[in-house]
């Protein structure tokens, strides 16, 4: 269905069902009162209960439709999530509505560790949401990483469910074990056991490796070619020393709230943020950034859009987490 038609459908849904729910509430209340004088009082009050019960789902659907269409921008925000992890959120209306999430990680922070999704016994991993990964890995920050496709017996990525087998695209390695060694666009970040980051060219001893698709920034220059697609985006970038890592997530496919970026626009944004080198990670419905809240539970920072439902996370193949040892805290 075209986006314009979807927008019209949500708007109509909101403006029709919301007042209808009010009518149902008022009608049910009036019917309940009048039924006291009826010979068949039980029947009248039963009908009143039915009207009142219908008002709740009808009002919920109507309110959801209006929220989707007239959703307000979130407030700008800057905060320290953990020692060495800074988070920033901002919104823009040009060239279209967008909400941008930026996590900056100081890799020299004492006790800080980068944690990828564990290597499976086969080259297929069970799909898992980013929130699920954060909880299982006990990390403080997590984001989805590689593009992936379905293994035999699983649904397509756009309809994937948690636990279904999926396979990451590109080079992927965990703690020296290679899960996938097929290079894809030569956009791989290699993480050595001592935390040293190298890009594109594999080191002599493989430890962690995660891959993206396009190179977005090369030596401070925006390099992405136009792909003709406006979508939610995820980028992984580094400064010239490779000791400051930047994760950028841009929400998309949410008309009037955040409609996404093209690849050249994402490249330009990364240069604006001071990134020296960057690669594109899996975006679209996969784009998710999660933090551990004060109670130790996953808190989604952005607005994922799996199956076109705002706020719904997509189970994906793999992730990268950031863990800061408790003794490194203040």
C-alpha atoms as a PDB file:
ATOM      1  CA  UNK A   1       0.000   0.000   0.000  1.00  0.00           C
ATOM      2  CA  UNK A   2       1.433   3.452  -0.894  1.00  0.00           C
ATOM      3  CA  UNK A   3       2.580   5.562   2.069  1.00  0.00           C
ATOM      4  CA  UNK A   4       0.127   8.374   1.273  1.00  0.00           C
ATOM      5  CA  UNK A   5      -2.751   5.895   1.323  1.00  0.00           C
ATOM      6  CA  UNK A   6      -1.569   4.477   4.655  1.00  0.00           C
ATOM      7  CA  UNK A   7      -1.429   7.968   6.134  1.00  0.00           C
ATOM      8  CA  UNK A   8      -4.970   8.676   4.935  1.00  0.00           C
ATOM      9  CA  UNK A   9      -6.164   5.370   6.404  1.00  0.00           C
ATOM     10  CA  UNK A  10      -4.652   6.099   9.830  1.00  0.00           C
ATOM     11  CA  UNK A  11      -6.075   9.631   9.813  1.00  0.00           C
ATOM     12  CA  UNK A  12      -9.554   8.383   8.887  1.00  0.00           C
ATOM     13  CA  UNK A  13      -9.288   5.653  11.496  1.00  0.00           C
ATOM     14  CA  UNK A  14      -8.491   8.200  14.186  1.00  0.00           C
ATOM     15  CA  UNK A  15     -11.089  10.798  13.287  1.00  0.00           C
ATOM     16  CA  UNK A  16     -13.896   8.225  12.900  1.00  0.00           C
ATOM     17  CA  UNK A  17     -13.219   5.804  15.748  1.00  0.00           C
ATOM     18  CA  UNK A  18     -12.279   8.304  18.452  1.00  0.00           C
ATOM     19  CA  UNK A  19     -15.624  10.170  18.416  1.00  0.00           C
ATOM     20  CA  UNK A  20     -17.419   6.844  17.911  1.00  0.00           C
ATOM     21  CA  UNK A  21     -15.922   5.612  21.196  1.00  0.00           C
ATOM     22  CA  UNK A  22     -17.308   8.719  22.938  1.00  0.00           C
ATOM     23  CA  UNK A  23     -20.752   8.002  21.477  1.00  0.00           C
ATOM     24  CA  UNK A  24     -20.532   4.404  22.714  1.00  0.00           C
ATOM     25  CA  UNK A  25     -19.606   5.523  26.240  1.00  0.00           C
ATOM     26  CA  UNK A  26     -22.398   8.098  26.421  1.00  0.00           C
ATOM     27  CA  UNK A  27     -24.906   5.697  24.875  1.00  0.00           C
ATOM     28  CA  UNK A  28     -23.908   2.870  27.219  1.00  0.00           C
ATOM     29  CA  UNK A  29     -24.120   5.138  30.263  1.00  0.00           C
ATOM     30  CA  UNK A  30     -27.553   6.448  29.210  1.00  0.00           C
ATOM     31  CA  UNK A  31     -28.812   2.951  28.491  1.00  0.00           C
ATOM     32  CA  UNK A  32     -27.665   1.747  31.911  1.00  0.00           C
ATOM     33  CA  UNK A  33     -29.563   4.563  33.611  1.00  0.00           C
ATOM     34  CA  UNK A  34     -32.768   4.086  31.596  1.00  0.00           C
ATOM     35  CA  UNK A  35     -32.720   0.297  32.047  1.00  0.00           C
ATOM     36  CA  UNK A  36     -33.596   0.778  35.720  1.00  0.00           C
ATOM     37  CA  UNK A  37     -37.156   1.665  34.677  1.00  0.00           C
ATOM     38  CA  UNK A  38     -37.521  -1.163  32.142  1.00  0.00           C
ATOM     39  CA  UNK A  39     -39.393  -4.374  32.724  1.00  0.00           C
ATOM     40  CA  UNK A  40     -36.390  -6.270  31.299  1.00  0.00           C
ATOM     41  CA  UNK A  41     -33.770  -4.416  33.288  1.00  0.00           C
ATOM     42  CA  UNK A  42     -31.146  -7.178  32.976  1.00  0.00           C
ATOM     43  CA  UNK A  43     -31.354  -7.155  29.177  1.00  0.00           C
ATOM     44  CA  UNK A  44     -31.016  -3.363  29.037  1.00  0.00           C
ATOM     45  CA  UNK A  45     -28.042  -3.292  31.331  1.00  0.00           C
ATOM     46  CA  UNK A  46     -26.460  -6.162  29.422  1.00  0.00           C
ATOM     47  CA  UNK A  47     -26.688  -4.099  26.242  1.00  0.00           C
ATOM     48  CA  UNK A  48     -25.195  -1.146  28.101  1.00  0.00           C
ATOM     49  CA  UNK A  49     -22.240  -3.270  29.196  1.00  0.00           C
ATOM     50  CA  UNK A  50     -21.701  -4.375  25.595  1.00  0.00           C
ATOM     51  CA  UNK A  51     -21.612  -0.743  24.391  1.00  0.00           C
ATOM     52  CA  UNK A  52     -19.189   0.255  27.135  1.00  0.00           C
ATOM     53  CA  UNK A  53     -16.984  -2.763  26.412  1.00  0.00           C
ATOM     54  CA  UNK A  54     -16.881  -1.871  22.707  1.00  0.00           C
ATOM     55  CA  UNK A  55     -15.877   1.707  23.525  1.00  0.00           C
ATOM     56  CA  UNK A  56     -12.481   0.635  24.891  1.00  0.00           C
ATOM     57  CA  UNK A  57     -11.044  -1.106  21.778  1.00  0.00           C
ATOM     58  CA  UNK A  58     -12.727   1.388  19.439  1.00  0.00           C
ATOM     59  CA  UNK A  59     -11.254   4.322  21.373  1.00  0.00           C
ATOM     60  CA  UNK A  60      -7.880   2.607  21.538  1.00  0.00           C
ATOM     61  CA  UNK A  61      -7.760   2.109  17.780  1.00  0.00           C
ATOM     62  CA  UNK A  62      -8.909   5.662  17.146  1.00  0.00           C
ATOM     63  CA  UNK A  63      -6.348   7.116  19.536  1.00  0.00           C
ATOM     64  CA  UNK A  64      -3.608   5.014  17.949  1.00  0.00           C
ATOM     65  CA  UNK A  65      -4.555   6.302  14.516  1.00  0.00           C
ATOM     66  CA  UNK A  66      -4.385   9.928  15.685  1.00  0.00           C
ATOM     67  CA  UNK A  67      -1.100   9.303  17.525  1.00  0.00           C
ATOM     68  CA  UNK A  68       0.459   7.822  14.388  1.00  0.00           C
ATOM     69  CA  UNK A  69      -0.619  10.810  12.308  1.00  0.00           C
ATOM     70  CA  UNK A  70      -0.009  13.673  14.770  1.00  0.00           C
ATOM     71  CA  UNK A  71       2.778  12.310  16.937  1.00  0.00           C
ATOM     72  CA  UNK A  72       4.869  15.118  18.525  1.00  0.00           C
ATOM     73  CA  UNK A  73       8.645  15.393  18.305  1.00  0.00           C
ATOM     74  CA  UNK A  74      10.542  14.204  21.384  1.00  0.00           C
ATOM     75  CA  UNK A  75      12.449  16.835  23.351  1.00  0.00           C
ATOM     76  CA  UNK A  76      16.153  17.297  22.704  1.00  0.00           C
ATOM     77  CA  UNK A  77      18.200  15.338  25.215  1.00  0.00           C
ATOM     78  CA  UNK A  78      21.832  14.929  26.256  1.00  0.00           C
ATOM     79  CA  UNK A  79      22.876  12.615  29.072  1.00  0.00           C
ATOM     80  CA  UNK A  80      25.604  10.309  30.321  1.00  0.00           C
ATOM     81  CA  UNK A  81      24.338   6.748  30.210  1.00  0.00           C
ATOM     82  CA  UNK A  82      27.368   5.141  31.820  1.00  0.00           C
ATOM     83  CA  UNK A  83      30.991   6.160  32.392  1.00  0.00           C
ATOM     84  CA  UNK A  84      32.365   6.542  28.863  1.00  0.00           C
ATOM     85  CA  UNK A  85      28.943   6.402  27.163  1.00  0.00           C
ATOM     86  CA  UNK A  86      27.236   9.647  26.146  1.00  0.00           C
ATOM     87  CA  UNK A  87      23.823   9.858  24.489  1.00  0.00           C
ATOM     88  CA  UNK A  88      22.295  12.675  22.498  1.00  0.00           C
ATOM     89  CA  UNK A  89      18.869  12.940  20.835  1.00  0.00           C
ATOM     90  CA  UNK A  90      17.741  15.725  18.550  1.00  0.00           C
ATOM     91  CA  UNK A  91      15.037  16.338  15.968  1.00  0.00           C
ATOM     92  CA  UNK A  92      14.976  18.286  12.711  1.00  0.00           C
ATOM     93  CA  UNK A  93      12.242  19.297  10.283  1.00  0.00           C
ATOM     94  CA  UNK A  94      14.453  19.817   7.237  1.00  0.00           C
ATOM     95  CA  UNK A  95      14.736  18.366   4.686  1.00  0.00           C
ATOM     96  CA  UNK A  96      11.926  16.366   6.325  1.00  0.00           C
ATOM     97  CA  UNK A  97      10.939  15.383   9.876  1.00  0.00           C
ATOM     98  CA  UNK A  98      13.598  13.226  11.497  1.00  0.00           C
ATOM     99  CA  UNK A  99      14.652  12.081  14.961  1.00  0.00           C
ATOM    100  CA  UNK A 100      18.346  11.293  15.430  1.00  0.00           C
ATOM    101  CA  UNK A 101      19.954   9.268  18.215  1.00  0.00           C
ATOM    102  CA  UNK A 102      23.706   9.470  18.798  1.00  0.00           C
ATOM    103  CA  UNK A 103      25.645   7.310  21.267  1.00  0.00           C
ATOM    104  CA  UNK A 104      29.331   8.148  21.696  1.00  0.00           C
ATOM    105  CA  UNK A 105      31.569   5.592  23.398  1.00  0.00           C
ATOM    106  CA  UNK A 106      35.036   6.379  24.760  1.00  0.00           C
ATOM    107  CA  UNK A 107      36.873   3.118  24.182  1.00  0.00           C
ATOM    108  CA  UNK A 108      39.635   4.127  26.619  1.00  0.00           C
ATOM    109  CA  UNK A 109      37.192   4.082  29.544  1.00  0.00           C
ATOM    110  CA  UNK A 110      38.496   1.723  32.279  1.00  0.00           C
ATOM    111  CA  UNK A 111      36.483  -1.480  32.409  1.00  0.00           C
ATOM    112  CA  UNK A 112      34.719  -0.873  29.080  1.00  0.00           C
ATOM    113  CA  UNK A 113      34.239  -3.897  26.811  1.00  0.00           C
ATOM    114  CA  UNK A 114      32.613  -4.433  23.411  1.00  0.00           C
ATOM    115  CA  UNK A 115      30.416  -7.544  23.405  1.00  0.00           C
ATOM    116  CA  UNK A 116      29.004  -9.090  20.201  1.00  0.00           C
ATOM    117  CA  UNK A 117      26.221 -11.651  19.944  1.00  0.00           C
ATOM    118  CA  UNK A 118      27.712 -15.046  20.940  1.00  0.00           C
ATOM    119  CA  UNK A 119      28.864 -17.338  18.140  1.00  0.00           C
ATOM    120  CA  UNK A 120      26.435 -20.207  17.447  1.00  0.00           C
ATOM    121  CA  UNK A 121      27.387 -23.821  16.793  1.00  0.00           C
ATOM    122  CA  UNK A 122      26.308 -23.371  13.151  1.00  0.00           C
ATOM    123  CA  UNK A 123      26.320 -20.400  10.783  1.00  0.00           C
ATOM    124  CA  UNK A 124      22.637 -19.733  11.591  1.00  0.00           C
ATOM    125  CA  UNK A 125      21.755 -17.728  14.695  1.00  0.00           C
ATOM    126  CA  UNK A 126      18.394 -17.612  16.502  1.00  0.00           C
ATOM    127  CA  UNK A 127      16.844 -14.209  15.778  1.00  0.00           C
ATOM    128  CA  UNK A 128      16.716 -12.012  18.863  1.00  0.00           C
ATOM    129  CA  UNK A 129      15.570  -8.467  19.550  1.00  0.00           C
ATOM    130  CA  UNK A 130      18.138  -5.939  20.679  1.00  0.00           C
ATOM    131  CA  UNK A 131      16.364  -5.661  24.028  1.00  0.00           C
ATOM    132  CA  UNK A 132      16.581  -9.433  24.403  1.00  0.00           C
ATOM    133  CA  UNK A 133      20.294  -9.355  23.617  1.00  0.00           C
ATOM    134  CA  UNK A 134      20.945  -6.562  26.143  1.00  0.00           C
ATOM    135  CA  UNK A 135      19.196  -8.542  28.869  1.00  0.00           C
ATOM    136  CA  UNK A 136      20.955 -11.812  28.033  1.00  0.00           C
ATOM    137  CA  UNK A 137      24.437 -10.339  27.585  1.00  0.00           C
ATOM    138  CA  UNK A 138      24.078  -7.999  30.583  1.00  0.00           C
ATOM    139  CA  UNK A 139      25.463  -5.025  28.731  1.00  0.00           C
ATOM    140  CA  UNK A 140      24.578  -1.376  29.315  1.00  0.00           C
ATOM    141  CA  UNK A 141      24.102  -0.351  25.668  1.00  0.00           C
ATOM    142  CA  UNK A 142      23.232  -2.413  22.596  1.00  0.00           C
ATOM    143  CA  UNK A 143      22.392  -1.914  18.936  1.00  0.00           C
ATOM    144  CA  UNK A 144      21.689  -4.161  15.974  1.00  0.00           C
ATOM    145  CA  UNK A 145      24.548  -4.693  13.547  1.00  0.00           C
ATOM    146  CA  UNK A 146      24.642  -6.777  10.373  1.00  0.00           C
ATOM    147  CA  UNK A 147      22.233  -7.219   7.511  1.00  0.00           C
ATOM    148  CA  UNK A 148      20.919 -10.774   7.476  1.00  0.00           C
ATOM    149  CA  UNK A 149      18.794 -13.219   5.584  1.00  0.00           C
ATOM    150  CA  UNK A 150      16.651 -16.146   6.638  1.00  0.00           C
ATOM    151  CA  UNK A 151      17.942 -19.679   6.982  1.00  0.00           C
ATOM    152  CA  UNK A 152      15.785 -22.541   5.681  1.00  0.00           C
ATOM    153  CA  UNK A 153      12.555 -22.836   7.636  1.00  0.00           C
ATOM    154  CA  UNK A 154      12.409 -19.204   8.755  1.00  0.00           C
ATOM    155  CA  UNK A 155      10.195 -16.350   7.623  1.00  0.00           C
ATOM    156  CA  UNK A 156      11.485 -13.441   5.567  1.00  0.00           C
ATOM    157  CA  UNK A 157      13.395 -10.789   7.575  1.00  0.00           C
ATOM    158  CA  UNK A 158      10.472  -8.346   7.353  1.00  0.00           C
ATOM    159  CA  UNK A 159       8.257 -10.887   9.124  1.00  0.00           C
ATOM    160  CA  UNK A 160      10.816 -12.724  11.251  1.00  0.00           C
ATOM    161  CA  UNK A 161       9.902 -13.927  14.725  1.00  0.00           C
ATOM    162  CA  UNK A 162      12.216 -14.377  17.688  1.00  0.00           C
ATOM    163  CA  UNK A 163      14.049 -17.696  17.669  1.00  0.00           C
ATOM    164  CA  UNK A 164      13.862 -18.301  13.926  1.00  0.00           C
ATOM    165  CA  UNK A 165      17.209 -19.127  12.262  1.00  0.00           C
ATOM    166  CA  UNK A 166      18.921 -16.278  10.414  1.00  0.00           C
ATOM    167  CA  UNK A 167      22.370 -15.749   8.935  1.00  0.00           C
ATOM    168  CA  UNK A 168      24.378 -12.481   9.044  1.00  0.00           C
ATOM    169  CA  UNK A 169      25.685 -11.091   5.767  1.00  0.00           C
ATOM    170  CA  UNK A 170      29.406 -10.321   5.601  1.00  0.00           C
ATOM    171  CA  UNK A 171      32.335 -11.198   7.834  1.00  0.00           C
ATOM    172  CA  UNK A 172      31.308 -12.026  11.398  1.00  0.00           C
ATOM    173  CA  UNK A 173      33.551 -13.408  14.124  1.00  0.00           C
ATOM    174  CA  UNK A 174      33.302 -13.728  17.896  1.00  0.00           C
ATOM    175  CA  UNK A 175      36.266 -14.338  20.208  1.00  0.00           C
ATOM    176  CA  UNK A 176      38.352 -15.758  17.375  1.00  0.00           C
ATOM    177  CA  UNK A 177      35.608 -18.009  15.997  1.00  0.00           C
ATOM    178  CA  UNK A 178      34.524 -17.176  12.472  1.00  0.00           C
ATOM    179  CA  UNK A 179      30.759 -17.426  11.994  1.00  0.00           C
ATOM    180  CA  UNK A 180      30.771 -16.005   8.453  1.00  0.00           C
ATOM    181  CA  UNK A 181      33.898 -15.311   6.399  1.00  0.00           C
ATOM    182  CA  UNK A 182      32.223 -14.091   3.219  1.00  0.00           C
ATOM    183  CA  UNK A 183      33.292 -10.514   2.601  1.00  0.00           C
ATOM    184  CA  UNK A 184      30.532  -8.121   1.528  1.00  0.00           C
ATOM    185  CA  UNK A 185      31.398  -4.644   0.261  1.00  0.00           C
ATOM    186  CA  UNK A 186      34.632  -4.739   2.346  1.00  0.00           C
ATOM    187  CA  UNK A 187      32.958  -2.772   5.153  1.00  0.00           C
ATOM    188  CA  UNK A 188      34.074  -4.637   8.254  1.00  0.00           C
ATOM    189  CA  UNK A 189      35.150  -3.392  11.671  1.00  0.00           C
ATOM    190  CA  UNK A 190      37.677  -5.644  13.427  1.00  0.00           C
ATOM    191  CA  UNK A 191      37.975  -5.531  17.218  1.00  0.00           C
ATOM    192  CA  UNK A 192      41.151  -7.036  18.655  1.00  0.00           C
ATOM    193  CA  UNK A 193      41.247  -8.745  22.031  1.00  0.00           C
ATOM    194  CA  UNK A 194      43.049  -5.715  23.472  1.00  0.00           C
ATOM    195  CA  UNK A 195      40.319  -3.394  22.101  1.00  0.00           C
ATOM    196  CA  UNK A 196      42.259  -2.017  19.130  1.00  0.00           C
ATOM    197  CA  UNK A 197      39.942  -1.230  16.205  1.00  0.00           C
ATOM    198  CA  UNK A 198      40.886  -1.682  12.568  1.00  0.00           C
ATOM    199  CA  UNK A 199      38.657  -1.129   9.569  1.00  0.00           C
ATOM    200  CA  UNK A 200      38.328  -2.986   6.283  1.00  0.00           C
ATOM    201  CA  UNK A 201      41.627  -4.926   6.305  1.00  0.00           C
ATOM    202  CA  UNK A 202      41.646  -7.967   8.619  1.00  0.00           C
ATOM    203  CA  UNK A 203      44.369  -8.135  11.278  1.00  0.00           C
ATOM    204  CA  UNK A 204      46.762 -11.056  11.533  1.00  0.00           C
ATOM    205  CA  UNK A 205      44.805 -12.574  14.403  1.00  0.00           C
ATOM    206  CA  UNK A 206      41.021 -12.445  14.066  1.00  0.00           C
ATOM    207  CA  UNK A 207      39.040 -11.784  17.257  1.00  0.00           C
ATOM    208  CA  UNK A 208      35.705  -9.909  16.913  1.00  0.00           C
ATOM    209  CA  UNK A 209      34.481  -8.776  13.503  1.00  0.00           C
ATOM    210  CA  UNK A 210      31.216  -7.163  12.414  1.00  0.00           C
ATOM    211  CA  UNK A 211      30.282  -6.046   8.917  1.00  0.00           C
ATOM    212  CA  UNK A 212      28.099  -3.414   7.345  1.00  0.00           C
ATOM    213  CA  UNK A 213      27.255  -2.580   3.771  1.00  0.00           C
ATOM    214  CA  UNK A 214      28.349   0.799   2.388  1.00  0.00           C
ATOM    215  CA  UNK A 215      31.257   2.900   3.549  1.00  0.00           C
ATOM    216  CA  UNK A 216      29.636   6.160   4.564  1.00  0.00           C
ATOM    217  CA  UNK A 217      32.635   8.245   5.591  1.00  0.00           C
ATOM    218  CA  UNK A 218      36.238   7.702   4.506  1.00  0.00           C
ATOM    219  CA  UNK A 219      38.948   9.848   6.130  1.00  0.00           C
ATOM    220  CA  UNK A 220      36.427  12.538   7.000  1.00  0.00           C
ATOM    221  CA  UNK A 221      34.770  12.650   3.558  1.00  0.00           C
ATOM    222  CA  UNK A 222      31.177  11.634   2.847  1.00  0.00           C
ATOM    223  CA  UNK A 223      31.332   8.763   0.370  1.00  0.00           C
ATOM    224  CA  UNK A 224      27.884   7.159   0.127  1.00  0.00           C
ATOM    225  CA  UNK A 225      26.250   6.974  -3.286  1.00  0.00           C
ATOM    226  CA  UNK A 226      22.519   7.555  -3.678  1.00  0.00           C
ATOM    227  CA  UNK A 227      20.485   4.384  -3.262  1.00  0.00           C
ATOM    228  CA  UNK A 228      17.123   6.023  -3.933  1.00  0.00           C
ATOM    229  CA  UNK A 229      15.747   4.906  -0.598  1.00  0.00           C
ATOM    230  CA  UNK A 230      14.374   6.908   2.329  1.00  0.00           C
ATOM    231  CA  UNK A 231      14.615   4.678   5.381  1.00  0.00           C
ATOM    232  CA  UNK A 232      15.532   4.281   9.046  1.00  0.00           C
ATOM    233  CA  UNK A 233      19.329   4.118   9.238  1.00  0.00           C
ATOM    234  CA  UNK A 234      22.093   2.817  11.506  1.00  0.00           C
ATOM    235  CA  UNK A 235      25.758   3.811  11.206  1.00  0.00           C
ATOM    236  CA  UNK A 236      28.896   2.843  13.085  1.00  0.00           C
ATOM    237  CA  UNK A 237      31.681   5.402  13.051  1.00  0.00           C
ATOM    238  CA  UNK A 238      35.061   6.166  14.600  1.00  0.00           C
ATOM    239  CA  UNK A 239      37.295   9.164  15.067  1.00  0.00           C
ATOM    240  CA  UNK A 240      40.771   9.288  13.511  1.00  0.00           C
ATOM    241  CA  UNK A 241      42.339   7.546  16.530  1.00  0.00           C
ATOM    242  CA  UNK A 242      39.724   4.724  16.517  1.00  0.00           C
ATOM    243  CA  UNK A 243      39.303   5.306  20.268  1.00  0.00           C
ATOM    244  CA  UNK A 244      35.950   7.081  20.078  1.00  0.00           C
ATOM    245  CA  UNK A 245      33.094   5.071  18.609  1.00  0.00           C
ATOM    246  CA  UNK A 246      29.877   6.726  17.443  1.00  0.00           C
ATOM    247  CA  UNK A 247      26.593   4.920  16.861  1.00  0.00           C
ATOM    248  CA  UNK A 248      23.963   6.871  14.949  1.00  0.00           C
ATOM    249  CA  UNK A 249      20.368   5.661  14.642  1.00  0.00           C
ATOM    250  CA  UNK A 250      17.846   7.668  12.634  1.00  0.00           C
ATOM    251  CA  UNK A 251      14.187   6.716  12.973  1.00  0.00           C
ATOM    252  CA  UNK A 252      12.169   6.420   9.777  1.00  0.00           C
ATOM    253  CA  UNK A 253       8.967   5.312   8.025  1.00  0.00           C
ATOM    254  CA  UNK A 254       6.914   7.316  10.549  1.00  0.00           C
ATOM    255  CA  UNK A 255       5.218  10.119   8.636  1.00  0.00           C
ATOM    256  CA  UNK A 256       5.294  13.513  10.338  1.00  0.00           C
ATOM    257  CA  UNK A 257       7.528  12.208  13.149  1.00  0.00           C
ATOM    258  CA  UNK A 258      10.669  10.788  11.542  1.00  0.00           C
ATOM    259  CA  UNK A 259      10.733   9.818   7.891  1.00  0.00           C
ATOM    260  CA  UNK A 260      14.325   8.616   7.581  1.00  0.00           C
ATOM    261  CA  UNK A 261      17.369   9.572   5.516  1.00  0.00           C
ATOM    262  CA  UNK A 262      18.945   8.715   2.197  1.00  0.00           C
ATOM    263  CA  UNK A 263      22.485   7.329   2.291  1.00  0.00           C
ATOM    264  CA  UNK A 264      24.116  10.613   1.146  1.00  0.00           C
ATOM    265  CA  UNK A 265      22.167  12.467   3.841  1.00  0.00           C
ATOM    266  CA  UNK A 266      23.376   9.951   6.432  1.00  0.00           C
ATOM    267  CA  UNK A 267      26.978  10.405   5.244  1.00  0.00           C
ATOM    268  CA  UNK A 268      26.675  14.184   5.533  1.00  0.00           C
ATOM    269  CA  UNK A 269      25.203  13.882   9.033  1.00  0.00           C
ATOM    270  CA  UNK A 270      28.108  11.709  10.167  1.00  0.00           C
ATOM    271  CA  UNK A 271      30.654  14.226   8.852  1.00  0.00           C
ATOM    272  CA  UNK A 272      28.736  16.962  10.697  1.00  0.00           C
ATOM    273  CA  UNK A 273      29.053  14.897  13.891  1.00  0.00           C
ATOM    274  CA  UNK A 274      32.830  14.723  13.482  1.00  0.00           C
ATOM    275  CA  UNK A 275      33.104  11.086  12.405  1.00  0.00           C
ATOM    276  CA  UNK A 276      36.303  10.225  10.518  1.00  0.00           C
ATOM    277  CA  UNK A 277      35.327   6.773   9.164  1.00  0.00           C
ATOM    278  CA  UNK A 278      31.944   5.052   9.173  1.00  0.00           C
ATOM    279  CA  UNK A 279      30.048   2.097   7.770  1.00  0.00           C
ATOM    280  CA  UNK A 280      26.344   1.506   7.300  1.00  0.00           C
ATOM    281  CA  UNK A 281      24.761  -1.189   9.468  1.00  0.00           C
ATOM    282  CA  UNK A 282      21.359  -2.818   9.002  1.00  0.00           C
ATOM    283  CA  UNK A 283      18.635  -0.164   9.072  1.00  0.00           C
ATOM    284  CA  UNK A 284      14.976  -0.279   8.101  1.00  0.00           C
ATOM    285  CA  UNK A 285      12.829  -2.174  10.559  1.00  0.00           C
ATOM    286  CA  UNK A 286      15.970  -3.494  12.261  1.00  0.00           C
ATOM    287  CA  UNK A 287      17.234  -0.096  13.478  1.00  0.00           C
ATOM    288  CA  UNK A 288      17.236  -0.273  17.289  1.00  0.00           C
ATOM    289  CA  UNK A 289      19.237   1.337  20.094  1.00  0.00           C
ATOM    290  CA  UNK A 290      18.699   0.049  23.637  1.00  0.00           C
ATOM    291  CA  UNK A 291      20.101   1.027  27.036  1.00  0.00           C
ATOM    292  CA  UNK A 292      19.894  -0.554  30.467  1.00  0.00           C
ATOM    293  CA  UNK A 293      17.625   1.546  32.696  1.00  0.00           C
ATOM    294  CA  UNK A 294      18.044   2.269  36.409  1.00  0.00           C
ATOM    295  CA  UNK A 295      16.329  -1.013  37.313  1.00  0.00           C
ATOM    296  CA  UNK A 296      18.557  -3.038  34.998  1.00  0.00           C
ATOM    297  CA  UNK A 297      15.816  -3.528  32.399  1.00  0.00           C
ATOM    298  CA  UNK A 298      16.099  -2.823  28.635  1.00  0.00           C
ATOM    299  CA  UNK A 299      14.922   0.645  27.595  1.00  0.00           C
ATOM    300  CA  UNK A 300      14.558   1.307  23.856  1.00  0.00           C
ATOM    301  CA  UNK A 301      15.879   4.780  23.069  1.00  0.00           C
ATOM    302  CA  UNK A 302      14.632   5.102  19.504  1.00  0.00           C
ATOM    303  CA  UNK A 303      11.373   4.204  17.751  1.00  0.00           C
ATOM    304  CA  UNK A 304      11.809   0.914  15.829  1.00  0.00           C
ATOM    305  CA  UNK A 305       9.327   0.144  13.052  1.00  0.00           C
ATOM    306  CA  UNK A 306       9.181  -3.638  12.551  1.00  0.00           C
ATOM    307  CA  UNK A 307       6.175  -4.680  10.400  1.00  0.00           C
ATOM    308  CA  UNK A 308       5.285  -0.966  10.117  1.00  0.00           C
ATOM    309  CA  UNK A 309       4.335  -0.775  13.802  1.00  0.00           C
ATOM    310  CA  UNK A 310       6.076   2.111  15.615  1.00  0.00           C
ATOM    311  CA  UNK A 311       7.887   0.936  18.727  1.00  0.00           C
ATOM    312  CA  UNK A 312       7.972  -2.728  17.711  1.00  0.00           C
ATOM    313  CA  UNK A 313      11.444  -4.301  17.676  1.00  0.00           C
ATOM    314  CA  UNK A 314      12.584  -6.684  14.958  1.00  0.00           C
ATOM    315  CA  UNK A 315      14.406  -9.865  15.966  1.00  0.00           C
ATOM    316  CA  UNK A 316      17.748  -9.727  14.124  1.00  0.00           C
ATOM    317  CA  UNK A 317      20.814 -11.882  13.603  1.00  0.00           C
ATOM    318  CA  UNK A 318      23.427 -10.118  15.692  1.00  0.00           C
ATOM    319  CA  UNK A 319      24.218  -7.119  17.832  1.00  0.00           C
ATOM    320  CA  UNK A 320      27.042  -5.255  19.500  1.00  0.00           C
ATOM    321  CA  UNK A 321      26.865  -4.381  23.164  1.00  0.00           C
ATOM    322  CA  UNK A 322      28.889  -2.115  25.408  1.00  0.00           C
ATOM    323  CA  UNK A 323      29.610  -3.280  28.934  1.00  0.00           C
ATOM    324  CA  UNK A 324      31.208  -1.145  31.619  1.00  0.00           C
ATOM    325  CA  UNK A 325      32.468  -2.994  34.691  1.00  0.00           C
ATOM    326  CA  UNK A 326      30.826  -1.726  37.869  1.00  0.00           C
ATOM    327  CA  UNK A 327      34.179  -0.867  39.446  1.00  0.00           C
ATOM    328  CA  UNK A 328      34.714   1.597  36.593  1.00  0.00           C
ATOM    329  CA  UNK A 329      31.786   3.693  37.786  1.00  0.00           C
ATOM    330  CA  UNK A 330      32.046   6.830  39.870  1.00  0.00           C
END
